[in-house]
Amino acid sequence: MSKNILTRGHSRALTRHHKLAVAGVAALGAAAIGFSAVPSNASTATTAEVAAPTAKVAYSTEPIQGVKASVTDQVAGSSVKVEQIAAKKEAAARATAEKKAAAATAEAEAEKARQAEEAASRAAERAEVKQAAPEKSYGDTLDGWIRESLAIMKKHGIPGSYEGIHRNVMRESSGNPKAINLWDVNAQNGIPSKGLLQVIPPTFEAYHVPGTPKDIYDPVANITAACNYAADKYGTMDNVDSAY
């Protein structure tokens, strides 16, 4: 019984003490709560600065992407222009080269055609000479020269006889195809008579007969040209008995 009384009495004593302690703690807690509830500028700012988390800044990449796209477009556009210019230059150079090549080809073809034409002309001339001149069956003597000349004269309708030609040849040059007169009036005028029948160069050129060489000293050419001239001036070489 005593133990119980002591226990209850002690319990009551502690309870009052505890009540006072609890009341004090409660008051302090209330004061602390009240103090915390009324903000002070300094303390609030400090608390905010300390407690507030660092705000994350959100950056929009859209404008940057737009700028990058614009710059890229500009660079791409510039690249396209450079490529276009290069392509135009290349095309122009290629066109120029093709034009030069075509001109060179045309010139080469024209030159080839000209050479072919000249060759054909020479061939035709040789054929004409071969056709006009009789076959070379005459001796390389005065007799052979006169006979060959008579054959050519007959082909071209030039009159004359063996006797008339031989007589005038012997009087004019004594049968020397290289004879030249350096003392008569023609020589004094600078155009000396030459060859078997002593023909001056202008007369030889004017009365040259096709099919014979254009050489005043060639015996057959000299005879036929002289006979052609005599036929025009005197009717035939047979009618010539002196200088003509």
C-alpha atoms as a PDB file:
ATOM      1  CA  MET A   1       0.000   0.000   0.000  1.00  0.00           C
ATOM      2  CA  SER A   2       2.753   2.425   0.853  1.00  0.00           C
ATOM      3  CA  LYS A   3       4.444   1.646  -2.413  1.00  0.00           C
ATOM      4  CA  ASN A   4       1.380   2.452  -4.323  1.00  0.00           C
ATOM      5  CA  ILE A   5       0.801   5.738  -2.504  1.00  0.00           C
ATOM      6  CA  LEU A   6       4.370   6.763  -3.177  1.00  0.00           C
ATOM      7  CA  THR A   7       4.076   5.841  -6.707  1.00  0.00           C
ATOM      8  CA  ARG A   8       0.932   7.770  -7.257  1.00  0.00           C
ATOM      9  CA  GLY A   9       2.207  10.735  -5.360  1.00  0.00           C
ATOM     10  CA  HIS A  10       5.408  10.753  -7.348  1.00  0.00           C
ATOM     11  CA  SER A  11       3.434  10.429 -10.374  1.00  0.00           C
ATOM     12  CA  ARG A  12       1.338  13.425  -9.634  1.00  0.00           C
ATOM     13  CA  ALA A  13       4.415  15.494  -8.720  1.00  0.00           C
ATOM     14  CA  LEU A  14       6.127  14.608 -12.055  1.00  0.00           C
ATOM     15  CA  THR A  15       3.028  15.350 -13.917  1.00  0.00           C
ATOM     16  CA  ARG A  16       2.873  18.917 -12.723  1.00  0.00           C
ATOM     17  CA  HIS A  17       6.534  19.413 -13.439  1.00  0.00           C
ATOM     18  CA  HIS A  18       6.135  17.938 -16.748  1.00  0.00           C
ATOM     19  CA  LYS A  19       3.188  20.144 -17.450  1.00  0.00           C
ATOM     20  CA  LEU A  20       5.220  23.195 -16.729  1.00  0.00           C
ATOM     21  CA  ALA A  21       8.031  21.913 -18.928  1.00  0.00           C
ATOM     22  CA  VAL A  22       5.659  21.037 -21.679  1.00  0.00           C
ATOM     23  CA  ALA A  23       4.012  24.437 -21.418  1.00  0.00           C
ATOM     24  CA  GLY A  24       7.378  26.127 -21.656  1.00  0.00           C
ATOM     25  CA  VAL A  25       8.408  24.045 -24.597  1.00  0.00           C
ATOM     26  CA  ALA A  26       5.116  24.707 -26.219  1.00  0.00           C
ATOM     27  CA  ALA A  27       5.489  28.423 -25.692  1.00  0.00           C
ATOM     28  CA  LEU A  28       8.956  28.351 -27.156  1.00  0.00           C
ATOM     29  CA  GLY A  29       7.727  26.317 -30.060  1.00  0.00           C
ATOM     30  CA  ALA A  30       4.869  28.719 -30.633  1.00  0.00           C
ATOM     31  CA  ALA A  31       7.251  31.643 -30.484  1.00  0.00           C
ATOM     32  CA  ALA A  32       9.564  29.944 -32.902  1.00  0.00           C
ATOM     33  CA  ILE A  33       6.696  29.191 -35.212  1.00  0.00           C
ATOM     34  CA  GLY A  34       5.462  32.736 -34.962  1.00  0.00           C
ATOM     35  CA  PHE A  35       8.912  34.126 -35.601  1.00  0.00           C
ATOM     36  CA  SER A  36       9.254  31.945 -38.598  1.00  0.00           C
ATOM     37  CA  ALA A  37       5.791  32.890 -39.815  1.00  0.00           C
ATOM     38  CA  VAL A  38       6.524  36.640 -39.833  1.00  0.00           C
ATOM     39  CA  PRO A  39       9.068  37.111 -42.682  1.00  0.00           C
ATOM     40  CA  SER A  40      11.923  39.540 -42.445  1.00  0.00           C
ATOM     41  CA  ASN A  41      13.383  40.980 -45.616  1.00  0.00           C
ATOM     42  CA  ALA A  42      16.944  40.083 -44.727  1.00  0.00           C
ATOM     43  CA  SER A  43      16.201  36.651 -43.371  1.00  0.00           C
ATOM     44  CA  THR A  44      13.766  35.855 -46.190  1.00  0.00           C
ATOM     45  CA  ALA A  45      16.194  36.887 -48.806  1.00  0.00           C
ATOM     46  CA  THR A  46      18.957  34.966 -47.202  1.00  0.00           C
ATOM     47  CA  THR A  47      16.759  31.950 -46.845  1.00  0.00           C
ATOM     48  CA  ALA A  48      15.616  32.250 -50.454  1.00  0.00           C
ATOM     49  CA  GLU A  49      19.117  32.640 -51.640  1.00  0.00           C
ATOM     50  CA  VAL A  50      20.291  29.682 -49.736  1.00  0.00           C
ATOM     51  CA  ALA A  51      17.290  27.443 -50.062  1.00  0.00           C
ATOM     52  CA  ALA A  52      15.979  28.262 -53.492  1.00  0.00           C
ATOM     53  CA  PRO A  53      17.284  25.899 -56.153  1.00  0.00           C
ATOM     54  CA  THR A  54      19.159  27.360 -59.028  1.00  0.00           C
ATOM     55  CA  ALA A  55      16.723  28.070 -61.823  1.00  0.00           C
ATOM     56  CA  LYS A  56      17.481  26.400 -65.104  1.00  0.00           C
ATOM     57  CA  VAL A  57      17.470  28.719 -68.099  1.00  0.00           C
ATOM     58  CA  ALA A  58      15.705  27.223 -71.067  1.00  0.00           C
ATOM     59  CA  TYR A  59      17.189  28.216 -74.407  1.00  0.00           C
ATOM     60  CA  SER A  60      15.229  27.844 -77.606  1.00  0.00           C
ATOM     61  CA  THR A  61      17.260  26.407 -80.439  1.00  0.00           C
ATOM     62  CA  GLU A  62      14.759  27.322 -83.118  1.00  0.00           C
ATOM     63  CA  PRO A  63      16.225  30.752 -83.974  1.00  0.00           C
ATOM     64  CA  ILE A  64      19.714  29.240 -84.055  1.00  0.00           C
ATOM     65  CA  GLN A  65      18.531  26.462 -86.296  1.00  0.00           C
ATOM     66  CA  GLY A  66      16.939  29.071 -88.530  1.00  0.00           C
ATOM     67  CA  VAL A  67      20.170  31.022 -88.726  1.00  0.00           C
ATOM     68  CA  LYS A  68      22.139  27.883 -89.416  1.00  0.00           C
ATOM     69  CA  ALA A  69      19.659  26.901 -92.085  1.00  0.00           C
ATOM     70  CA  SER A  70      19.865  30.361 -93.637  1.00  0.00           C
ATOM     71  CA  VAL A  71      23.657  30.301 -93.694  1.00  0.00           C
ATOM     72  CA  THR A  72      23.616  26.766 -95.040  1.00  0.00           C
ATOM     73  CA  ASP A  73      21.197  27.815 -97.750  1.00  0.00           C
ATOM     74  CA  GLN A  74      23.402  30.748 -98.638  1.00  0.00           C
ATOM     75  CA  VAL A  75      26.503  28.560 -98.773  1.00  0.00           C
ATOM     76  CA  ALA A  76      24.620  25.978-100.807  1.00  0.00           C
ATOM     77  CA  GLY A  77      23.372  28.717-103.129  1.00  0.00           C
ATOM     78  CA  SER A  78      26.885  30.050-103.542  1.00  0.00           C
ATOM     79  CA  SER A  79      28.155  26.555-104.256  1.00  0.00           C
ATOM     80  CA  VAL A  80      25.467  26.098-106.881  1.00  0.00           C
ATOM     81  CA  LYS A  81      26.381  29.416-108.498  1.00  0.00           C
ATOM     82  CA  VAL A  82      30.073  28.501-108.522  1.00  0.00           C
ATOM     83  CA  GLU A  83      29.239  25.138-110.049  1.00  0.00           C
ATOM     84  CA  GLN A  84      26.994  26.798-112.631  1.00  0.00           C
ATOM     85  CA  ILE A  85      29.724  29.290-113.557  1.00  0.00           C
ATOM     86  CA  ALA A  86      32.275  26.492-113.774  1.00  0.00           C
ATOM     87  CA  ALA A  87      29.872  24.443-115.899  1.00  0.00           C
ATOM     88  CA  LYS A  88      29.289  27.406-118.224  1.00  0.00           C
ATOM     89  CA  LYS A  89      33.024  28.006-118.559  1.00  0.00           C
ATOM     90  CA  GLU A  90      33.605  24.338-119.239  1.00  0.00           C
ATOM     91  CA  ALA A  91      30.808  24.289-121.811  1.00  0.00           C
ATOM     92  CA  ALA A  92      32.191  27.431-123.474  1.00  0.00           C
ATOM     93  CA  ALA A  93      35.687  25.966-123.555  1.00  0.00           C
ATOM     94  CA  ARG A  94      34.339  22.723-124.966  1.00  0.00           C
ATOM     95  CA  ALA A  95      32.344  24.601-127.598  1.00  0.00           C
ATOM     96  CA  THR A  96      35.426  26.637-128.555  1.00  0.00           C
ATOM     97  CA  ALA A  97      37.542  23.498-128.787  1.00  0.00           C
ATOM     98  CA  GLU A  98      34.876  21.766-130.890  1.00  0.00           C
ATOM     99  CA  LYS A  99      34.633  24.825-133.142  1.00  0.00           C
ATOM    100  CA  LYS A 100      38.416  24.904-133.610  1.00  0.00           C
ATOM    101  CA  ALA A 101      38.462  21.183-134.268  1.00  0.00           C
ATOM    102  CA  ALA A 102      35.650  21.535-136.811  1.00  0.00           C
ATOM    103  CA  ALA A 103      37.465  24.434-138.492  1.00  0.00           C
ATOM    104  CA  ALA A 104      40.705  22.437-138.577  1.00  0.00           C
ATOM    105  CA  THR A 105      38.863  19.432-140.000  1.00  0.00           C
ATOM    106  CA  ALA A 106      37.154  21.588-142.617  1.00  0.00           C
ATOM    107  CA  GLU A 107      40.473  23.183-143.531  1.00  0.00           C
ATOM    108  CA  ALA A 108      42.132  19.780-143.778  1.00  0.00           C
ATOM    109  CA  GLU A 109      39.279  18.487-145.932  1.00  0.00           C
ATOM    110  CA  ALA A 110      39.501  21.574-148.154  1.00  0.00           C
ATOM    111  CA  GLU A 111      43.252  21.112-148.501  1.00  0.00           C
ATOM    112  CA  LYS A 112      42.763  17.437-149.296  1.00  0.00           C
ATOM    113  CA  ALA A 113      40.129  18.313-151.885  1.00  0.00           C
ATOM    114  CA  ARG A 114      42.422  20.954-153.397  1.00  0.00           C
ATOM    115  CA  GLN A 115      45.294  18.493-153.618  1.00  0.00           C
ATOM    116  CA  ALA A 116      43.003  15.881-155.149  1.00  0.00           C
ATOM    117  CA  GLU A 117      41.769  18.409-157.674  1.00  0.00           C
ATOM    118  CA  GLU A 118      45.320  19.406-158.570  1.00  0.00           C
ATOM    119  CA  ALA A 119      46.314  15.760-158.880  1.00  0.00           C
ATOM    120  CA  ALA A 120      43.317  15.113-161.116  1.00  0.00           C
ATOM    121  CA  SER A 121      44.198  18.156-163.186  1.00  0.00           C
ATOM    122  CA  ARG A 122      47.776  16.977-163.604  1.00  0.00           C
ATOM    123  CA  ALA A 123      46.576  13.511-164.506  1.00  0.00           C
ATOM    124  CA  ALA A 124      44.191  14.974-167.066  1.00  0.00           C
ATOM    125  CA  GLU A 125      46.963  17.133-168.476  1.00  0.00           C
ATOM    126  CA  ARG A 126      49.252  14.121-168.759  1.00  0.00           C
ATOM    127  CA  ALA A 127      46.479  12.159-170.421  1.00  0.00           C
ATOM    128  CA  GLU A 128      45.861  15.023-172.818  1.00  0.00           C
ATOM    129  CA  VAL A 129      49.554  15.272-173.638  1.00  0.00           C
ATOM    130  CA  LYS A 130      49.726  11.528-174.129  1.00  0.00           C
ATOM    131  CA  GLN A 131      46.657  11.555-176.342  1.00  0.00           C
ATOM    132  CA  ALA A 132      47.741  14.613-178.325  1.00  0.00           C
ATOM    133  CA  ALA A 133      51.321  13.497-178.889  1.00  0.00           C
ATOM    134  CA  PRO A 134      51.993  10.561-181.122  1.00  0.00           C
ATOM    135  CA  GLU A 135      53.785   7.589-179.745  1.00  0.00           C
ATOM    136  CA  LYS A 136      57.493   8.179-179.474  1.00  0.00           C
ATOM    137  CA  SER A 137      58.627   6.102-182.418  1.00  0.00           C
ATOM    138  CA  TYR A 138      60.799   8.803-183.892  1.00  0.00           C
ATOM    139  CA  GLY A 139      64.545   9.073-183.565  1.00  0.00           C
ATOM    140  CA  ASP A 140      66.148  11.836-181.541  1.00  0.00           C
ATOM    141  CA  THR A 141      67.496  13.447-184.692  1.00  0.00           C
ATOM    142  CA  LEU A 142      66.465  16.279-186.989  1.00  0.00           C
ATOM    143  CA  ASP A 143      64.630  13.763-189.151  1.00  0.00           C
ATOM    144  CA  GLY A 144      62.785  12.344-186.162  1.00  0.00           C
ATOM    145  CA  TRP A 145      61.926  15.816-184.812  1.00  0.00           C
ATOM    146  CA  ILE A 146      60.467  16.941-188.130  1.00  0.00           C
ATOM    147  CA  ARG A 147      58.423  13.755-188.559  1.00  0.00           C
ATOM    148  CA  GLU A 148      57.058  13.966-185.003  1.00  0.00           C
ATOM    149  CA  SER A 149      56.208  17.642-185.517  1.00  0.00           C
ATOM    150  CA  LEU A 150      54.350  16.841-188.741  1.00  0.00           C
ATOM    151  CA  ALA A 151      52.246  14.220-186.911  1.00  0.00           C
ATOM    152  CA  ILE A 152      51.245  16.739-184.235  1.00  0.00           C
ATOM    153  CA  MET A 153      50.604  19.451-186.849  1.00  0.00           C
ATOM    154  CA  LYS A 154      48.304  17.090-188.745  1.00  0.00           C
ATOM    155  CA  LYS A 155      46.334  16.392-185.580  1.00  0.00           C
ATOM    156  CA  HIS A 156      45.817  20.129-185.018  1.00  0.00           C
ATOM    157  CA  GLY A 157      45.253  21.015-188.658  1.00  0.00           C
ATOM    158  CA  ILE A 158      48.490  22.977-189.118  1.00  0.00           C
ATOM    159  CA  PRO A 159      49.758  22.863-192.720  1.00  0.00           C
ATOM    160  CA  GLY A 160      53.385  22.209-193.648  1.00  0.00           C
ATOM    161  CA  SER A 161      55.659  19.733-195.341  1.00  0.00           C
ATOM    162  CA  TYR A 162      58.828  17.900-194.490  1.00  0.00           C
ATOM    163  CA  GLU A 163      60.735  19.762-197.195  1.00  0.00           C
ATOM    164  CA  GLY A 164      59.510  23.209-196.134  1.00  0.00           C
ATOM    165  CA  ILE A 165      60.375  22.595-192.477  1.00  0.00           C
ATOM    166  CA  HIS A 166      63.780  21.062-193.190  1.00  0.00           C
ATOM    167  CA  ARG A 167      64.755  23.888-195.554  1.00  0.00           C
ATOM    168  CA  ASN A 168      63.927  26.632-193.032  1.00  0.00           C
ATOM    169  CA  VAL A 169      65.546  24.767-190.116  1.00  0.00           C
ATOM    170  CA  MET A 170      68.822  24.483-191.989  1.00  0.00           C
ATOM    171  CA  ARG A 171      68.754  28.165-192.921  1.00  0.00           C
ATOM    172  CA  GLU A 172      67.867  29.394-189.415  1.00  0.00           C
ATOM    173  CA  SER A 173      69.928  27.124-187.116  1.00  0.00           C
ATOM    174  CA  SER A 174      71.743  24.506-189.189  1.00  0.00           C
ATOM    175  CA  GLY A 175      69.775  21.909-187.206  1.00  0.00           C
ATOM    176  CA  ASN A 176      71.038  23.020-183.736  1.00  0.00           C
ATOM    177  CA  PRO A 177      68.098  23.001-181.245  1.00  0.00           C
ATOM    178  CA  LYS A 178      70.126  25.158-178.820  1.00  0.00           C
ATOM    179  CA  ALA A 179      70.935  27.881-181.351  1.00  0.00           C
ATOM    180  CA  ILE A 180      70.379  31.507-180.258  1.00  0.00           C
ATOM    181  CA  ASN A 181      70.755  34.737-182.261  1.00  0.00           C
ATOM    182  CA  LEU A 182      72.539  37.440-180.288  1.00  0.00           C
ATOM    183  CA  TRP A 183      73.103  40.002-183.030  1.00  0.00           C
ATOM    184  CA  ASP A 184      69.862  40.682-184.960  1.00  0.00           C
ATOM    185  CA  VAL A 185      67.220  43.308-184.168  1.00  0.00           C
ATOM    186  CA  ASN A 186      65.371  40.942-181.841  1.00  0.00           C
ATOM    187  CA  ALA A 187      68.526  40.455-179.789  1.00  0.00           C
ATOM    188  CA  GLN A 188      69.025  44.236-179.708  1.00  0.00           C
ATOM    189  CA  ASN A 189      65.472  44.527-178.328  1.00  0.00           C
ATOM    190  CA  GLY A 190      66.280  41.956-175.613  1.00  0.00           C
ATOM    191  CA  ILE A 191      64.261  39.096-177.067  1.00  0.00           C
ATOM    192  CA  PRO A 192      66.709  36.994-179.084  1.00  0.00           C
ATOM    193  CA  SER A 193      65.513  34.263-181.441  1.00  0.00           C
ATOM    194  CA  LYS A 194      66.020  30.710-180.189  1.00  0.00           C
ATOM    195  CA  GLY A 195      65.848  27.070-181.279  1.00  0.00           C
ATOM    196  CA  LEU A 196      65.676  25.189-184.590  1.00  0.00           C
ATOM    197  CA  LEU A 197      63.471  27.748-186.365  1.00  0.00           C
ATOM    198  CA  GLN A 198      64.708  30.785-184.371  1.00  0.00           C
ATOM    199  CA  VAL A 199      61.472  31.748-182.640  1.00  0.00           C
ATOM    200  CA  ILE A 200      61.371  34.660-180.187  1.00  0.00           C
ATOM    201  CA  PRO A 201      59.865  33.866-176.737  1.00  0.00           C
ATOM    202  CA  PRO A 202      56.650  35.944-177.152  1.00  0.00           C
ATOM    203  CA  THR A 203      55.862  34.178-180.446  1.00  0.00           C
ATOM    204  CA  PHE A 204      56.572  30.784-178.928  1.00  0.00           C
ATOM    205  CA  GLU A 205      54.216  31.506-176.007  1.00  0.00           C
ATOM    206  CA  ALA A 206      51.468  32.762-178.325  1.00  0.00           C
ATOM    207  CA  TYR A 207      51.648  29.875-180.818  1.00  0.00           C
ATOM    208  CA  HIS A 208      52.635  26.996-178.541  1.00  0.00           C
ATOM    209  CA  VAL A 209      50.816  23.809-179.549  1.00  0.00           C
ATOM    210  CA  PRO A 210      49.227  21.682-176.776  1.00  0.00           C
ATOM    211  CA  GLY A 211      50.820  18.275-176.394  1.00  0.00           C
ATOM    212  CA  THR A 212      54.351  19.624-176.690  1.00  0.00           C
ATOM    213  CA  PRO A 213      56.638  20.838-173.886  1.00  0.00           C
ATOM    214  CA  LYS A 214      56.590  24.540-173.043  1.00  0.00           C
ATOM    215  CA  ASP A 215      60.288  24.732-173.703  1.00  0.00           C
ATOM    216  CA  ILE A 216      61.449  26.947-176.570  1.00  0.00           C
ATOM    217  CA  TYR A 217      64.607  24.820-176.945  1.00  0.00           C
ATOM    218  CA  ASP A 218      62.622  21.558-177.269  1.00  0.00           C
ATOM    219  CA  PRO A 219      63.012  20.711-181.004  1.00  0.00           C
ATOM    220  CA  VAL A 220      59.479  19.348-181.556  1.00  0.00           C
ATOM    221  CA  ALA A 221      57.846  22.175-179.574  1.00  0.00           C
ATOM    222  CA  ASN A 222      59.928  24.771-181.452  1.00  0.00           C
ATOM    223  CA  ILE A 223      59.085  23.364-184.900  1.00  0.00           C
ATOM    224  CA  THR A 224      55.324  23.037-184.244  1.00  0.00           C
ATOM    225  CA  ALA A 225      55.063  26.525-182.712  1.00  0.00           C
ATOM    226  CA  ALA A 226      57.013  28.072-185.611  1.00  0.00           C
ATOM    227  CA  CYS A 227      54.866  26.229-188.185  1.00  0.00           C
ATOM    228  CA  ASN A 228      51.714  27.337-186.348  1.00  0.00           C
ATOM    229  CA  TYR A 229      52.932  30.955-186.525  1.00  0.00           C
ATOM    230  CA  ALA A 230      53.934  30.626-190.197  1.00  0.00           C
ATOM    231  CA  ALA A 231      50.512  29.169-191.041  1.00  0.00           C
ATOM    232  CA  ASP A 232      48.854  32.159-189.367  1.00  0.00           C
ATOM    233  CA  LYS A 233      51.089  34.762-191.053  1.00  0.00           C
ATOM    234  CA  TYR A 234      52.049  33.136-194.376  1.00  0.00           C
ATOM    235  CA  GLY A 235      49.608  30.258-194.863  1.00  0.00           C
ATOM    236  CA  THR A 236      52.280  27.591-194.296  1.00  0.00           C
ATOM    237  CA  MET A 237      55.960  27.195-193.443  1.00  0.00           C
ATOM    238  CA  ASP A 238      56.428  26.101-197.062  1.00  0.00           C
ATOM    239  CA  ASN A 239      55.890  29.728-198.113  1.00  0.00           C
ATOM    240  CA  VAL A 240      58.768  30.976-195.939  1.00  0.00           C
ATOM    241  CA  ASP A 241      62.114  31.413-197.718  1.00  0.00           C
ATOM    242  CA  SER A 242      63.797  33.969-195.490  1.00  0.00           C
ATOM    243  CA  ALA A 243      63.673  35.520-192.053  1.00  0.00           C
ATOM    244  CA  TYR A 244      60.118  35.636-190.853  1.00  0.00           C
END
